[in-house]
N, C-alpha and C. Protein backbone atom coordinates (compact mmCIF):
# COMPACT_ATOMS: atom_id res chain seq x y z
N MET A 1 70.40 -8.49 70.66
CA MET A 1 71.38 -9.20 69.87
C MET A 1 72.10 -10.27 70.69
N ILE A 2 72.48 -9.93 71.94
CA ILE A 2 73.16 -10.89 72.81
C ILE A 2 72.23 -12.03 73.16
N ASN A 3 70.94 -11.74 73.37
CA ASN A 3 69.98 -12.79 73.67
C ASN A 3 69.87 -13.77 72.52
N MET A 4 69.93 -13.28 71.30
CA MET A 4 69.82 -14.15 70.13
C MET A 4 71.05 -15.07 70.02
N ILE A 5 72.24 -14.55 70.35
CA ILE A 5 73.45 -15.36 70.32
C ILE A 5 73.40 -16.43 71.41
N GLY A 6 73.00 -16.05 72.60
CA GLY A 6 72.86 -17.00 73.70
C GLY A 6 71.84 -18.08 73.39
N TYR A 7 70.71 -17.67 72.82
CA TYR A 7 69.67 -18.61 72.42
C TYR A 7 70.21 -19.59 71.39
N SER A 8 70.97 -19.11 70.42
CA SER A 8 71.54 -19.96 69.38
C SER A 8 72.52 -20.97 69.96
N VAL A 9 73.33 -20.53 70.90
CA VAL A 9 74.30 -21.42 71.54
C VAL A 9 73.58 -22.52 72.32
N VAL A 10 72.57 -22.16 73.07
CA VAL A 10 71.83 -23.14 73.87
C VAL A 10 71.11 -24.13 72.97
N VAL A 11 70.47 -23.66 71.92
CA VAL A 11 69.77 -24.56 71.00
C VAL A 11 70.77 -25.47 70.29
N GLY A 12 71.90 -24.94 69.89
CA GLY A 12 72.93 -25.76 69.25
C GLY A 12 73.46 -26.84 70.17
N ALA A 13 73.70 -26.48 71.43
CA ALA A 13 74.16 -27.47 72.41
C ALA A 13 73.10 -28.54 72.65
N ALA A 14 71.84 -28.14 72.71
CA ALA A 14 70.75 -29.11 72.91
C ALA A 14 70.65 -30.07 71.73
N VAL A 15 70.79 -29.55 70.52
CA VAL A 15 70.72 -30.40 69.33
C VAL A 15 71.89 -31.39 69.32
N CYS A 16 73.08 -30.92 69.67
CA CYS A 16 74.24 -31.82 69.74
C CYS A 16 74.03 -32.90 70.79
N PHE A 17 73.51 -32.53 71.94
CA PHE A 17 73.24 -33.49 73.00
C PHE A 17 72.22 -34.53 72.57
N LEU A 18 71.14 -34.07 71.93
CA LEU A 18 70.11 -35.01 71.45
C LEU A 18 70.66 -35.93 70.37
N PHE A 19 71.51 -35.42 69.49
CA PHE A 19 72.12 -36.26 68.47
C PHE A 19 73.01 -37.32 69.11
N LEU A 20 73.76 -36.95 70.14
CA LEU A 20 74.61 -37.89 70.84
C LEU A 20 73.77 -38.98 71.51
N LEU A 21 72.70 -38.60 72.15
CA LEU A 21 71.80 -39.59 72.77
C LEU A 21 71.18 -40.51 71.73
N TYR A 22 70.75 -39.93 70.60
CA TYR A 22 70.17 -40.73 69.53
C TYR A 22 71.18 -41.76 69.02
N TYR A 23 72.43 -41.33 68.79
CA TYR A 23 73.46 -42.24 68.31
C TYR A 23 73.73 -43.34 69.33
N LEU A 24 73.78 -43.00 70.60
CA LEU A 24 74.03 -43.99 71.64
C LEU A 24 72.91 -45.02 71.70
N VAL A 25 71.67 -44.57 71.64
CA VAL A 25 70.54 -45.50 71.67
C VAL A 25 70.54 -46.37 70.41
N LYS A 26 70.80 -45.76 69.28
CA LYS A 26 70.84 -46.52 68.03
C LYS A 26 71.96 -47.55 68.04
N ALA A 27 73.11 -47.18 68.56
CA ALA A 27 74.25 -48.10 68.61
C ALA A 27 73.99 -49.28 69.53
N THR A 28 73.23 -49.07 70.58
CA THR A 28 72.98 -50.16 71.52
C THR A 28 71.79 -51.02 71.14
N THR A 29 71.01 -50.59 70.17
CA THR A 29 69.83 -51.38 69.81
C THR A 29 69.88 -51.96 68.41
N ASP A 30 70.87 -51.62 67.59
CA ASP A 30 70.89 -52.19 66.24
C ASP A 30 71.52 -53.58 66.26
N ASP A 31 71.49 -54.24 65.11
CA ASP A 31 71.96 -55.61 65.00
C ASP A 31 73.44 -55.73 64.66
N SER A 32 74.14 -54.64 64.61
CA SER A 32 75.56 -54.70 64.27
C SER A 32 76.37 -55.11 65.48
N ASP A 33 77.67 -55.14 65.34
CA ASP A 33 78.55 -55.51 66.43
C ASP A 33 78.80 -54.38 67.41
N LYS A 34 78.25 -53.21 67.15
CA LYS A 34 78.47 -52.08 68.05
C LYS A 34 77.91 -52.37 69.44
N TYR A 35 76.76 -53.04 69.50
CA TYR A 35 76.16 -53.35 70.79
C TYR A 35 77.09 -54.25 71.60
N ASN A 36 77.60 -55.30 70.97
CA ASN A 36 78.49 -56.22 71.67
C ASN A 36 79.79 -55.52 72.09
N TYR A 37 80.29 -54.64 71.24
CA TYR A 37 81.50 -53.90 71.56
C TYR A 37 81.27 -52.99 72.77
N LEU A 38 80.16 -52.25 72.78
CA LEU A 38 79.85 -51.38 73.92
C LEU A 38 79.61 -52.19 75.18
N LYS A 39 78.96 -53.34 75.04
CA LYS A 39 78.71 -54.20 76.19
C LYS A 39 80.02 -54.71 76.78
N ASP A 40 80.96 -55.10 75.91
CA ASP A 40 82.26 -55.56 76.39
C ASP A 40 83.01 -54.45 77.11
N ILE A 41 82.92 -53.24 76.59
CA ILE A 41 83.59 -52.11 77.24
C ILE A 41 83.00 -51.87 78.63
N VAL A 42 81.68 -51.91 78.74
CA VAL A 42 81.03 -51.69 80.04
C VAL A 42 81.42 -52.79 81.01
N GLU A 43 81.48 -54.03 80.54
CA GLU A 43 81.86 -55.13 81.42
C GLU A 43 83.30 -55.00 81.90
N ILE A 44 84.20 -54.52 81.03
CA ILE A 44 85.59 -54.33 81.44
C ILE A 44 85.70 -53.19 82.44
N VAL A 45 85.00 -52.08 82.15
CA VAL A 45 85.08 -50.92 83.04
C VAL A 45 84.58 -51.25 84.43
N PHE A 46 83.49 -52.01 84.51
CA PHE A 46 82.92 -52.34 85.81
C PHE A 46 83.43 -53.66 86.34
N ALA A 47 84.50 -54.21 85.73
CA ALA A 47 85.22 -55.40 86.20
C ALA A 47 84.32 -56.61 86.38
N ASN A 48 83.50 -56.88 85.38
CA ASN A 48 82.71 -58.11 85.39
C ASN A 48 83.58 -59.28 84.96
N GLN A 49 83.00 -60.43 84.79
CA GLN A 49 83.73 -61.66 84.56
C GLN A 49 84.08 -61.93 83.10
N LYS A 50 83.68 -61.11 82.15
CA LYS A 50 83.89 -61.41 80.74
C LYS A 50 84.94 -60.49 80.14
N SER A 51 85.90 -61.06 79.42
CA SER A 51 86.93 -60.27 78.75
C SER A 51 86.50 -59.98 77.32
N PRO A 52 87.13 -59.04 76.61
CA PRO A 52 86.69 -58.69 75.26
C PRO A 52 86.83 -59.83 74.26
N GLU A 53 87.70 -60.80 74.50
CA GLU A 53 87.85 -61.93 73.59
C GLU A 53 86.74 -62.96 73.79
N GLY A 54 85.88 -62.75 74.78
CA GLY A 54 84.80 -63.69 75.05
C GLY A 54 85.20 -64.77 76.03
N GLN A 55 86.41 -64.75 76.53
CA GLN A 55 86.86 -65.74 77.48
C GLN A 55 86.34 -65.36 78.85
N ASP A 56 85.98 -66.38 79.61
CA ASP A 56 85.54 -66.12 80.98
C ASP A 56 86.76 -66.04 81.88
N ALA A 57 87.11 -64.84 82.25
CA ALA A 57 88.26 -64.61 83.11
C ALA A 57 87.99 -63.37 83.93
N LYS A 58 88.47 -63.38 85.16
CA LYS A 58 88.27 -62.21 86.00
C LYS A 58 89.20 -61.10 85.54
N VAL A 59 88.64 -59.94 85.29
CA VAL A 59 89.41 -58.79 84.83
C VAL A 59 89.57 -57.86 86.01
N ASN A 60 90.81 -57.56 86.36
CA ASN A 60 91.01 -56.62 87.45
C ASN A 60 91.45 -55.28 86.91
N SER A 61 91.48 -54.29 87.76
CA SER A 61 91.78 -52.93 87.32
C SER A 61 93.20 -52.81 86.78
N ALA A 62 94.11 -53.62 87.22
CA ALA A 62 95.49 -53.53 86.76
C ALA A 62 95.61 -53.94 85.30
N THR A 63 94.94 -55.00 84.90
CA THR A 63 95.04 -55.44 83.51
C THR A 63 94.30 -54.49 82.59
N VAL A 64 93.22 -53.88 83.04
CA VAL A 64 92.50 -52.91 82.23
C VAL A 64 93.36 -51.67 82.00
N LEU A 65 94.09 -51.24 83.00
CA LEU A 65 94.93 -50.06 82.89
C LEU A 65 96.28 -50.36 82.26
N GLY A 66 96.57 -51.60 81.95
CA GLY A 66 97.83 -51.95 81.32
C GLY A 66 98.97 -52.16 82.30
N VAL A 67 98.67 -52.31 83.57
CA VAL A 67 99.69 -52.55 84.60
C VAL A 67 99.71 -54.03 84.90
N GLU A 68 100.90 -54.58 85.02
CA GLU A 68 101.01 -56.00 85.36
C GLU A 68 100.52 -56.25 86.79
N PRO A 69 99.65 -57.22 86.99
CA PRO A 69 99.23 -57.55 88.35
C PRO A 69 100.39 -58.19 89.12
N PHE A 70 100.43 -57.95 90.41
CA PHE A 70 101.50 -58.52 91.21
C PHE A 70 100.97 -58.91 92.57
N GLU A 71 101.73 -59.75 93.24
CA GLU A 71 101.43 -60.12 94.62
C GLU A 71 102.77 -60.17 95.35
N GLU A 72 102.89 -59.35 96.37
CA GLU A 72 104.12 -59.28 97.16
C GLU A 72 103.78 -59.46 98.63
N GLU A 73 104.82 -59.52 99.43
CA GLU A 73 104.62 -59.65 100.87
C GLU A 73 104.59 -58.28 101.51
N CYS A 74 103.77 -58.16 102.54
CA CYS A 74 103.73 -56.92 103.33
C CYS A 74 105.06 -56.78 104.05
N PRO A 75 105.65 -55.57 104.06
CA PRO A 75 106.93 -55.40 104.74
C PRO A 75 106.84 -55.60 106.26
N ALA A 76 105.66 -55.44 106.83
CA ALA A 76 105.53 -55.56 108.28
C ALA A 76 105.21 -56.98 108.73
N CYS A 77 104.20 -57.61 108.11
CA CYS A 77 103.73 -58.91 108.61
C CYS A 77 103.93 -60.04 107.61
N GLU A 78 104.43 -59.73 106.41
CA GLU A 78 104.70 -60.70 105.35
C GLU A 78 103.46 -61.41 104.83
N ALA A 79 102.29 -60.80 105.00
CA ALA A 79 101.07 -61.33 104.41
C ALA A 79 101.04 -60.94 102.92
N PRO A 80 100.41 -61.73 102.07
CA PRO A 80 100.37 -61.38 100.65
C PRO A 80 99.48 -60.16 100.40
N VAL A 81 99.99 -59.20 99.61
CA VAL A 81 99.23 -58.02 99.20
C VAL A 81 99.31 -57.93 97.68
N THR A 82 98.29 -57.32 97.07
CA THR A 82 98.24 -57.17 95.62
C THR A 82 98.27 -55.70 95.25
N GLN A 83 98.24 -55.44 93.94
CA GLN A 83 98.26 -54.06 93.44
C GLN A 83 97.00 -53.29 93.83
N ASN A 84 95.93 -53.96 94.21
CA ASN A 84 94.69 -53.30 94.57
C ASN A 84 94.64 -52.87 96.03
N ASP A 85 95.55 -53.38 96.86
CA ASP A 85 95.53 -53.09 98.29
C ASP A 85 96.23 -51.77 98.59
N ARG A 86 95.53 -50.87 99.26
CA ARG A 86 96.15 -49.63 99.73
C ARG A 86 96.72 -49.84 101.13
N ASN A 87 96.08 -50.72 101.87
CA ASN A 87 96.54 -51.09 103.21
C ASN A 87 96.66 -52.60 103.26
N CYS A 88 97.55 -53.09 104.11
CA CYS A 88 97.69 -54.53 104.28
C CYS A 88 96.39 -55.08 104.86
N PRO A 89 95.82 -56.14 104.27
CA PRO A 89 94.56 -56.68 104.80
C PRO A 89 94.71 -57.35 106.16
N VAL A 90 95.93 -57.68 106.57
CA VAL A 90 96.13 -58.36 107.86
C VAL A 90 96.49 -57.36 108.96
N CYS A 91 97.55 -56.58 108.75
CA CYS A 91 98.02 -55.70 109.83
C CYS A 91 97.57 -54.25 109.66
N GLY A 92 97.09 -53.86 108.47
CA GLY A 92 96.60 -52.52 108.26
C GLY A 92 97.66 -51.50 107.89
N LEU A 93 98.88 -51.93 107.61
CA LEU A 93 99.97 -51.02 107.24
C LEU A 93 99.60 -50.30 105.95
N LYS A 94 99.78 -48.96 105.94
CA LYS A 94 99.49 -48.17 104.75
C LYS A 94 100.58 -48.43 103.72
N LEU A 95 100.17 -48.95 102.54
CA LEU A 95 101.14 -49.33 101.52
C LEU A 95 101.33 -48.26 100.46
N MET A 96 100.27 -47.50 100.17
CA MET A 96 100.33 -46.50 99.10
C MET A 96 99.78 -45.18 99.61
N ASP A 97 100.21 -44.08 98.96
CA ASP A 97 99.69 -42.75 99.31
C ASP A 97 98.32 -42.55 98.71
């Protein structure tokens, strides 16, 4: 009886996984806007040069996460540092934990 329940769970999970893969392949290959939407999401996640509005602009991790980008001076050497820097690029001062 336990083997039958385990078998049913595994088969159900496999069917769900295959359905998810089928939907993903179908969404990326059909002629609707889903392909372009998924492509825009991938480009934003991997920080490519295209924004979702179709404008050519560099997208950084701060704008994707909803954080305002900034540039400040390093407290030690006064070199410019951005929100992406964990250490100062000039003197190596640790800026973030």
